[in-house]
Amino acid sequence: MHGQTFHPILNSLAITALLSLFLPACTHVRPESHPSTHTPGTITIKTLVRGDHHSQYGLFIPHDYRPNASTTYPVIIFLHGYSPPRDNADPPLSIGLAPIVRSQSTSFPFIVIFPQTDAAWFPDAEPTLDVIAELDEVSRHFRVDPDRVSLMGAGLGGYDAWRIGAQYPDRFAALVPIYSAGADLEHAARLVNLPIRAYMSESQDLHFVTYDSDMVQKVSSLGGNAQYIKAPTSDIAGCMDYVFSNGDLVKWLQQQRRQHKNASAVGTQ
């Protein structure tokens, strides 16, 4: 396998049906608010404004968050997978990590940013620029630890996590792709300083083939710290539940620190 690979079935009705099963109705999402407004323990809709460009993202603030304390908080940015268009639907905040965060709302220790797009996070495209701009905006308004920002994605979001991690390696402490829907092996050299955990079910879904294992093998061959972990599950939703059920990944992410320190300073609220 060389260079960029992308599974041709991704645009088929089979993939749409498969991933639609991973999109239950969105609940417990608070309406849009000012960037600095928050209710700890909930996911709130925010609007990012960059010139004439507007986009929405979800934001979770830990239940124990105290704006005037000296504590800073680690961050997870979660990139969702393919979301088929739905009329009059909420943003796809029931994909992947969001329902897990809601189920652990009183104890989940991370600030979580949920960028939203109906496309993909292609290099230099607006959604990709939004990811970094949303991190910067949240860092201005909340007590973010810039050395503990982890990037995670599932499905197409996993594919884009590999790419954004390679495009901005100095912004992140760790990378967690899950069930990635593609691989760009030429990016591996830019990921050797990022601790990586990539997850796939033991009964590997044929639609996702070996993208994550190929990337992990390539990064490791270049001297990077990358692990490929198979969960005892059969699909992407089960894999996500397993990954966060025993607390091992949460503990691992809390231990990671960014090696390059070029990002903006901690927010004040």
Protein backbone atom coordinates (compact mmCIF):
# COMPACT_ATOMS: atom_id res chain seq x y z
CA MET A 1 0.00 0.00 0.00
CA HIS A 2 1.54 3.30 -1.01
CA GLY A 3 0.52 6.94 -0.78
CA GLN A 4 -3.11 7.92 -0.39
CA THR A 5 -5.78 5.24 -0.23
CA PHE A 6 -9.50 5.70 0.08
CA HIS A 7 -12.12 2.98 -0.02
CA PRO A 8 -14.42 3.38 -3.06
CA ILE A 9 -17.48 2.10 -1.20
CA LEU A 10 -17.48 5.10 1.15
CA ASN A 11 -19.96 6.96 -1.05
CA SER A 12 -22.24 3.97 -1.51
CA LEU A 13 -25.63 3.35 0.04
CA ALA A 14 -24.06 0.56 2.08
CA ILE A 15 -21.80 2.96 3.95
CA THR A 16 -24.63 5.47 4.36
CA ALA A 17 -26.79 2.78 5.91
CA LEU A 18 -23.96 1.50 8.09
CA LEU A 19 -23.03 4.84 9.56
CA SER A 20 -26.63 6.01 9.82
CA LEU A 21 -27.03 3.34 12.50
CA PHE A 22 -24.46 5.31 14.45
CA LEU A 23 -26.61 8.49 14.41
CA PRO A 24 -29.32 8.22 17.06
CA ALA A 25 -31.47 11.24 17.81
CA CYS A 26 -29.53 14.07 19.44
CA THR A 27 -30.58 14.85 23.02
CA HIS A 28 -29.43 17.00 25.94
CA VAL A 29 -27.79 19.63 23.76
CA ARG A 30 -28.18 23.18 25.01
CA PRO A 31 -29.00 25.97 22.55
CA GLU A 32 -26.41 28.25 21.04
CA SER A 33 -24.64 30.64 23.39
CA HIS A 34 -21.83 33.19 23.51
CA PRO A 35 -18.35 31.57 23.41
CA SER A 36 -17.69 32.38 27.06
CA THR A 37 -21.12 31.21 28.29
CA HIS A 38 -21.33 27.66 29.53
CA THR A 39 -23.17 25.27 31.81
CA PRO A 40 -20.68 22.74 33.22
CA GLY A 41 -21.61 19.14 32.56
CA THR A 42 -23.54 19.84 29.33
CA ILE A 43 -22.84 20.10 25.61
CA THR A 44 -23.58 23.60 24.32
CA ILE A 45 -23.83 24.73 20.69
CA LYS A 46 -21.40 27.51 19.74
CA THR A 47 -20.99 29.52 16.55
CA LEU A 48 -17.52 30.31 15.24
CA VAL A 49 -17.19 33.49 13.18
CA ARG A 50 -14.18 33.94 10.91
CA GLY A 51 -14.77 36.97 8.69
CA ASP A 52 -17.81 36.13 6.55
CA HIS A 53 -17.55 32.45 7.42
CA HIS A 54 -19.75 30.93 10.14
CA SER A 55 -19.73 27.40 11.51
CA GLN A 56 -21.12 25.57 14.51
CA TYR A 57 -19.41 23.36 17.03
CA GLY A 58 -20.40 21.60 20.23
CA LEU A 59 -18.59 22.28 23.50
CA PHE A 60 -18.56 20.23 26.69
CA ILE A 61 -17.19 21.76 29.89
CA PRO A 62 -16.45 19.39 32.80
CA HIS A 63 -18.91 19.32 35.66
CA ASP A 64 -16.24 20.40 38.16
CA TYR A 65 -15.02 23.32 36.04
CA ARG A 66 -14.30 26.45 38.09
CA PRO A 67 -13.46 29.58 36.05
CA ASN A 68 -11.62 31.31 38.85
CA ALA A 69 -9.54 28.34 39.98
CA SER A 70 -5.91 27.82 39.02
CA THR A 71 -6.65 24.41 37.47
CA THR A 72 -6.27 24.00 33.73
CA TYR A 73 -8.12 21.29 31.82
CA PRO A 74 -7.08 18.85 29.11
CA VAL A 75 -8.98 18.97 25.81
CA ILE A 76 -10.25 16.39 23.34
CA ILE A 77 -11.23 17.49 19.83
CA PHE A 78 -13.54 14.86 18.34
CA LEU A 79 -14.11 14.70 14.57
CA HIS A 80 -17.33 12.92 13.68
CA GLY A 81 -17.74 10.50 10.79
CA TYR A 82 -19.94 10.76 7.73
CA SER A 83 -23.30 12.33 8.53
CA PRO A 84 -25.97 12.02 5.82
CA PRO A 85 -28.03 15.22 5.35
CA ARG A 86 -31.13 15.33 7.54
CA ASP A 87 -33.84 17.97 7.29
CA ASN A 88 -34.55 19.91 10.48
CA ALA A 89 -31.98 17.88 12.43
CA ASP A 90 -29.66 19.01 15.17
CA PRO A 91 -25.93 19.02 14.44
CA PRO A 92 -24.60 15.43 14.59
CA LEU A 93 -23.67 15.52 18.25
CA SER A 94 -24.83 11.99 18.91
CA ILE A 95 -21.96 10.51 16.93
CA GLY A 96 -19.13 8.71 18.66
CA LEU A 97 -17.89 10.52 21.72
CA ALA A 98 -20.85 12.82 22.47
CA PRO A 99 -23.25 10.21 23.91
CA ILE A 100 -20.39 8.79 25.99
CA VAL A 101 -19.60 12.24 27.38
CA ARG A 102 -23.28 12.81 28.20
CA SER A 103 -23.48 9.46 30.01
CA GLN A 104 -20.44 10.46 32.09
CA SER A 105 -21.32 14.15 32.36
CA THR A 106 -20.55 14.45 36.08
CA SER A 107 -17.15 12.77 35.86
CA PHE A 108 -15.72 13.22 32.33
CA PRO A 109 -12.51 15.19 32.99
CA PHE A 110 -11.90 16.80 29.58
CA ILE A 111 -13.13 19.89 27.84
CA VAL A 112 -14.43 18.44 24.56
CA ILE A 113 -14.77 20.30 21.27
CA PHE A 114 -17.05 18.78 18.63
CA PRO A 115 -16.40 20.44 15.24
CA GLN A 116 -19.32 20.03 12.83
CA THR A 117 -19.31 19.67 9.05
CA ASP A 118 -21.42 18.07 6.35
CA ALA A 119 -18.30 17.53 4.24
CA ALA A 120 -14.79 16.48 5.33
CA TRP A 121 -11.80 18.19 6.91
CA PHE A 122 -9.68 18.43 3.76
CA PRO A 123 -6.31 20.26 4.02
CA ASP A 124 -6.78 24.06 4.06
CA ALA A 125 -10.56 23.70 3.58
CA GLU A 126 -12.85 25.80 5.77
CA PRO A 127 -13.82 22.92 8.12
CA THR A 128 -10.14 22.15 8.77
CA LEU A 129 -9.36 25.79 9.52
CA ASP A 130 -12.43 25.79 11.78
CA VAL A 131 -10.97 22.98 13.91
CA ILE A 132 -7.93 25.06 14.87
CA ALA A 133 -9.92 28.29 15.15
CA GLU A 134 -12.40 26.58 17.50
CA LEU A 135 -9.53 25.36 19.67
CA ASP A 136 -8.14 28.91 19.76
CA GLU A 137 -11.54 30.37 20.63
CA VAL A 138 -12.16 27.90 23.44
CA SER A 139 -8.63 28.50 24.75
CA ARG A 140 -9.33 32.24 24.97
CA HIS A 141 -12.46 31.79 27.04
CA PHE A 142 -11.76 28.73 29.20
CA ARG A 143 -8.91 27.35 31.25
CA VAL A 144 -7.38 25.10 28.60
CA ASP A 145 -4.05 23.34 29.13
CA PRO A 146 -2.46 23.86 25.67
CA ASP A 147 0.00 21.04 26.32
CA ARG A 148 -2.78 18.46 26.79
CA VAL A 149 -4.90 18.79 23.65
CA SER A 150 -5.69 15.45 22.00
CA LEU A 151 -7.21 14.92 18.55
CA MET A 152 -9.63 12.04 18.03
CA GLY A 153 -11.89 10.95 15.19
CA ALA A 154 -14.03 8.03 14.07
CA GLY A 155 -14.71 6.76 10.54
CA LEU A 156 -14.10 9.61 8.12
CA GLY A 157 -13.28 11.66 11.21
CA GLY A 158 -10.50 9.16 12.00
CA TYR A 159 -9.09 9.62 8.50
CA ASP A 160 -9.20 13.39 8.97
CA ALA A 161 -7.61 13.11 12.44
CA TRP A 162 -4.55 11.53 10.80
CA ARG A 163 -4.40 14.38 8.27
CA ILE A 164 -5.01 17.28 10.67
CA GLY A 165 -2.59 15.76 13.16
CA ALA A 166 0.05 15.74 10.43
CA GLN A 167 -0.82 19.27 9.32
CA TYR A 168 -0.63 20.72 12.85
CA PRO A 169 1.57 18.30 14.83
CA ASP A 170 2.75 21.02 17.23
CA ARG A 171 -0.79 21.69 18.46
CA PHE A 172 -1.51 18.24 19.87
CA ALA A 173 -0.36 15.97 22.69
CA ALA A 174 -1.83 12.74 21.27
CA LEU A 175 -3.77 11.32 18.35
CA VAL A 176 -6.58 8.73 18.57
CA PRO A 177 -8.04 7.57 15.22
CA ILE A 178 -10.84 4.99 15.42
CA TYR A 179 -12.07 2.96 12.44
CA SER A 180 -10.37 5.34 10.03
CA ALA A 181 -11.87 5.44 6.54
CA GLY A 182 -8.63 6.23 4.72
CA ALA A 183 -4.87 6.65 5.04
CA ASP A 184 -2.21 8.99 3.66
CA LEU A 185 1.06 7.21 4.34
CA GLU A 186 3.11 10.15 3.13
CA HIS A 187 2.01 12.05 6.27
CA ALA A 188 3.56 9.51 8.63
CA ALA A 189 6.89 11.34 8.97
CA ARG A 190 5.11 14.36 10.49
CA LEU A 191 3.51 12.18 13.17
CA VAL A 192 6.58 10.60 14.74
CA ASN A 193 6.53 12.98 17.73
CA LEU A 194 2.86 12.35 18.53
CA PRO A 195 1.85 9.46 20.80
CA ILE A 196 -0.81 7.55 18.86
CA ARG A 197 -3.42 4.96 19.74
CA ALA A 198 -5.50 3.67 16.83
CA TYR A 199 -8.47 1.39 17.46
CA MET A 200 -10.37 -1.19 15.40
CA SER A 201 -12.71 -4.03 16.28
CA GLU A 202 -11.31 -7.57 16.36
CA SER A 203 -13.90 -8.58 13.77
CA GLN A 204 -12.52 -5.93 11.47
CA ASP A 205 -15.17 -4.30 9.28
CA LEU A 206 -14.36 -4.88 5.61
CA HIS A 207 -15.41 -1.34 4.73
CA PHE A 208 -12.47 0.02 6.72
CA VAL A 209 -9.86 -2.60 5.78
CA THR A 210 -6.41 -1.88 7.27
CA TYR A 211 -6.07 1.90 7.14
CA ASP A 212 -5.22 2.39 10.82
CA SER A 213 -2.86 -0.58 11.03
CA ASP A 214 -1.04 0.61 7.89
CA MET A 215 -0.57 4.08 9.34
CA VAL A 216 0.58 2.75 12.71
CA GLN A 217 3.06 0.44 11.03
CA LYS A 218 4.44 3.29 8.93
CA VAL A 219 4.76 5.74 11.84
CA SER A 220 6.40 3.06 13.99
CA SER A 221 8.87 2.19 11.22
CA LEU A 222 10.00 5.83 11.27
CA GLY A 223 10.63 5.78 15.01
CA GLY A 224 7.25 7.05 16.21
CA ASN A 225 5.24 5.94 19.24
CA ALA A 226 2.14 4.41 17.66
CA GLN A 227 -0.07 1.54 18.85
CA TYR A 228 -2.74 -0.39 16.98
CA ILE A 229 -5.32 -1.82 19.38
CA LYS A 230 -8.09 -4.27 18.54
CA ALA A 231 -11.21 -4.05 20.67
CA PRO A 232 -13.33 -7.18 21.37
CA THR A 233 -16.23 -5.65 19.45
CA SER A 234 -17.81 -5.93 16.00
CA ASP A 235 -18.63 -2.39 14.89
CA ILE A 236 -17.69 1.26 15.26
CA ALA A 237 -20.27 2.06 17.96
CA GLY A 238 -19.22 -0.94 20.05
CA CYS A 239 -15.58 -0.03 19.60
CA MET A 240 -16.19 3.52 20.87
CA ASP A 241 -18.08 2.22 23.90
CA TYR A 242 -15.32 -0.26 24.69
CA VAL A 243 -12.56 2.32 24.30
CA PHE A 244 -14.10 4.56 26.97
CA SER A 245 -15.71 1.94 29.21
CA ASN A 246 -12.69 0.85 31.27
CA GLY A 247 -11.04 4.26 31.66
CA ASP A 248 -7.70 3.14 30.22
CA LEU A 249 -7.75 5.58 27.30
CA VAL A 250 -8.84 8.47 29.53
CA LYS A 251 -5.91 7.80 31.88
CA TRP A 252 -3.52 7.50 28.94
CA LEU A 253 -4.68 10.79 27.42
CA GLN A 254 -4.34 12.58 30.75
CA GLN A 255 -0.68 11.52 30.86
CA GLN A 256 0.24 12.84 27.42
CA ARG A 257 2.01 16.18 27.00
CA ARG A 258 2.72 18.15 23.86
CA GLN A 259 6.38 18.09 22.87
CA HIS A 260 6.32 21.30 20.80
CA LYS A 261 5.06 24.44 22.50
CA ASN A 262 4.03 26.91 19.84
CA ALA A 263 0.34 27.20 20.62
CA SER A 264 -1.46 30.10 22.29
CA ALA A 265 -1.53 30.66 26.06
CA VAL A 266 -4.10 29.35 28.51
CA GLY A 267 -7.41 31.18 28.67
CA THR A 268 -8.39 33.19 31.72
CA GLN A 269 -11.92 32.07 32.45
